[in-house]
Amino acid sequence: MLEEKIDSKKKYGDKMEDIREEKIEKILKLLATSPFRNHFHLKEKEIAYIKEKKFSTIKDHAYHFVRTRLAPKDIPNDGKQTPMKGHPVFISQHATATCCRGCLEKWHKIPKGRNLTENEIHYIVSVQLKWLEKEIIKSHQDQ
């Protein structure tokens, strides 16, 4: 399996990463057209938290939240498992429609009723982190 990944990297180089980036940019543009998704933004408190903890820690938190709250096949409280505030990743989850399996299915075409794959987990976290990056950049431009 690892050899396949290495061979794939040699064969395709950064093209796969470019495709993933394009997909992420495309979904973020689509989500920005939703009045509900577009009303989520980081406040100074969340931006300060990211600066204090560092982005690598926020990334670890995002992976933890996705693995524990979204990845399992059966989630008893699906649709209610992600708080609306309290952590920058929670806000990004709502803004990017990665907050529950229903939203993942509707917006990202990731079906319910099965465990998420590692690739799907990585994609979900990548979408969340890209949104967070854009919010941080926007906050610097607004100052």
Protein backbone atom coordinates (compact mmCIF):
# COMPACT_ATOMS: atom_id res chain seq x y z
CA MET A 1 0.00 0.00 0.00
CA LEU A 2 2.77 2.45 0.94
CA GLU A 3 4.64 1.52 -2.23
CA GLU A 4 1.55 2.38 -4.27
CA LYS A 5 1.44 5.84 -2.68
CA ILE A 6 5.12 6.40 -3.39
CA ASP A 7 4.72 5.19 -7.00
CA SER A 8 1.66 7.39 -7.40
CA LYS A 9 3.64 10.42 -6.19
CA LYS A 10 6.43 9.64 -8.66
CA LYS A 11 3.98 9.07 -11.49
CA TYR A 12 1.65 12.01 -10.87
CA GLY A 13 3.83 14.38 -8.88
CA ASP A 14 1.97 17.38 -7.56
CA LYS A 15 -0.92 17.01 -10.01
CA MET A 16 -2.99 15.12 -7.43
CA GLU A 17 -2.39 17.90 -4.89
CA ASP A 18 -3.38 20.49 -7.51
CA ILE A 19 -6.61 18.60 -8.20
CA ARG A 20 -7.40 18.48 -4.47
CA GLU A 21 -6.72 22.23 -4.16
CA GLU A 22 -9.00 22.94 -7.11
CA LYS A 23 -11.74 20.81 -5.57
CA ILE A 24 -11.41 22.61 -2.24
CA GLU A 25 -11.49 26.05 -3.87
CA LYS A 26 -14.54 25.03 -5.90
CA ILE A 27 -16.51 23.80 -2.86
CA LEU A 28 -15.57 26.90 -0.84
CA LYS A 29 -16.89 29.12 -3.64
CA LEU A 30 -20.10 27.11 -3.75
CA LEU A 31 -20.53 27.26 0.03
CA ALA A 32 -20.03 31.04 -0.09
CA THR A 33 -23.26 31.27 -2.10
CA SER A 34 -25.24 29.81 0.81
CA PRO A 35 -26.55 32.55 3.12
CA PHE A 36 -26.44 30.13 6.08
CA ARG A 37 -22.85 28.95 5.46
CA ASN A 38 -21.64 32.43 4.54
CA HIS A 39 -22.67 33.99 7.84
CA PHE A 40 -20.00 32.06 9.77
CA HIS A 41 -16.80 34.01 10.37
CA LEU A 42 -14.03 33.93 12.93
CA LYS A 43 -14.09 36.61 15.59
CA GLU A 44 -11.04 38.18 17.22
CA LYS A 45 -11.27 35.66 20.06
CA GLU A 46 -10.95 32.67 17.70
CA ILE A 47 -8.15 34.28 15.71
CA ALA A 48 -6.26 34.97 18.94
CA TYR A 49 -6.78 31.35 19.96
CA ILE A 50 -5.29 30.13 16.67
CA LYS A 51 -2.30 32.44 17.07
CA GLU A 52 -1.78 31.31 20.67
CA LYS A 53 -2.08 27.57 19.97
CA LYS A 54 -0.41 27.64 16.53
CA PHE A 55 -1.95 26.32 13.34
CA SER A 56 -0.41 22.85 13.73
CA THR A 57 -2.31 22.39 17.00
CA ILE A 58 -5.55 23.56 15.37
CA LYS A 59 -4.92 21.01 12.61
CA ASP A 60 -4.53 18.28 15.26
CA HIS A 61 -7.80 19.39 16.84
CA ALA A 62 -9.54 19.26 13.45
CA TYR A 63 -8.37 15.71 12.83
CA HIS A 64 -9.48 14.70 16.33
CA PHE A 65 -12.94 16.23 15.91
CA VAL A 66 -13.45 14.61 12.49
CA ARG A 67 -12.23 11.20 13.65
CA THR A 68 -14.36 11.18 16.80
CA ARG A 69 -17.49 13.07 15.70
CA LEU A 70 -17.83 12.40 11.95
CA ALA A 71 -15.84 9.34 10.89
CA PRO A 72 -17.85 6.57 12.57
CA LYS A 73 -20.55 4.84 10.56
CA ASP A 74 -23.24 5.44 13.18
CA ILE A 75 -23.51 8.75 14.99
CA PRO A 76 -26.47 8.78 17.39
CA ASN A 77 -26.67 12.59 17.55
CA ASP A 78 -25.89 13.28 13.88
CA GLY A 79 -26.82 16.81 12.99
CA LYS A 80 -26.26 18.01 16.55
CA GLN A 81 -22.71 16.83 17.31
CA THR A 82 -20.92 20.05 16.39
CA PRO A 83 -21.30 23.07 18.67
CA MET A 84 -21.91 26.43 17.01
CA LYS A 85 -19.13 28.11 18.99
CA GLY A 86 -16.30 27.40 21.39
CA HIS A 87 -13.51 26.46 18.98
CA PRO A 88 -12.40 27.82 15.58
CA VAL A 89 -12.73 24.34 14.06
CA PHE A 90 -16.40 24.14 15.10
CA ILE A 91 -17.07 27.38 13.25
CA SER A 92 -15.17 26.15 10.20
CA GLN A 93 -17.15 22.91 10.26
CA HIS A 94 -20.43 24.81 9.96
CA ALA A 95 -19.05 27.23 7.37
CA THR A 96 -17.76 24.36 5.23
CA ALA A 97 -20.71 21.97 5.70
CA THR A 98 -18.43 19.43 7.39
CA CYS A 99 -20.36 19.55 10.65
CA CYS A 100 -22.44 16.36 10.30
CA ARG A 101 -22.88 13.39 8.00
CA GLY A 102 -26.01 14.93 6.50
CA CYS A 103 -24.12 18.03 5.39
CA LEU A 104 -21.19 15.93 4.18
CA GLU A 105 -23.58 13.97 2.00
CA LYS A 106 -25.48 17.00 0.70
CA TRP A 107 -22.54 19.31 -0.02
CA HIS A 108 -19.53 17.01 -0.47
CA LYS A 109 -21.26 13.86 -1.82
CA ILE A 110 -19.74 11.73 0.98
CA PRO A 111 -22.42 9.14 1.79
CA LYS A 112 -23.76 8.37 5.24
CA GLY A 113 -24.02 4.86 6.62
CA ARG A 114 -20.37 3.87 6.49
CA ASN A 115 -17.10 4.84 8.16
CA LEU A 116 -15.19 7.67 6.52
CA THR A 117 -12.04 6.65 4.67
CA GLU A 118 -8.65 8.15 5.51
CA ASN A 119 -8.75 10.08 2.22
CA GLU A 120 -12.16 11.52 3.12
CA ILE A 121 -10.94 12.50 6.58
CA HIS A 122 -7.93 14.24 5.03
CA TYR A 123 -10.15 16.01 2.49
CA ILE A 124 -12.57 17.21 5.20
CA VAL A 125 -9.78 18.58 7.39
CA SER A 126 -8.15 20.20 4.33
CA VAL A 127 -11.40 22.02 3.54
CA GLN A 128 -11.70 23.21 7.14
CA LEU A 129 -8.09 24.39 7.30
CA LYS A 130 -8.32 26.22 3.97
CA TRP A 131 -11.40 28.05 5.24
CA LEU A 132 -9.57 28.95 8.46
CA GLU A 133 -6.58 30.22 6.46
CA LYS A 134 -8.85 32.42 4.35
CA GLU A 135 -10.52 33.80 7.47
CA ILE A 136 -7.17 34.68 9.03
CA ILE A 137 -6.00 36.38 5.84
CA LYS A 138 -9.29 38.28 5.63
CA SER A 139 -8.94 39.43 9.24
CA HIS A 140 -5.51 40.89 8.47
CA GLN A 141 -6.88 42.71 5.42
CA ASP A 142 -9.76 44.17 7.46
CA GLN A 143 -7.38 45.77 9.95
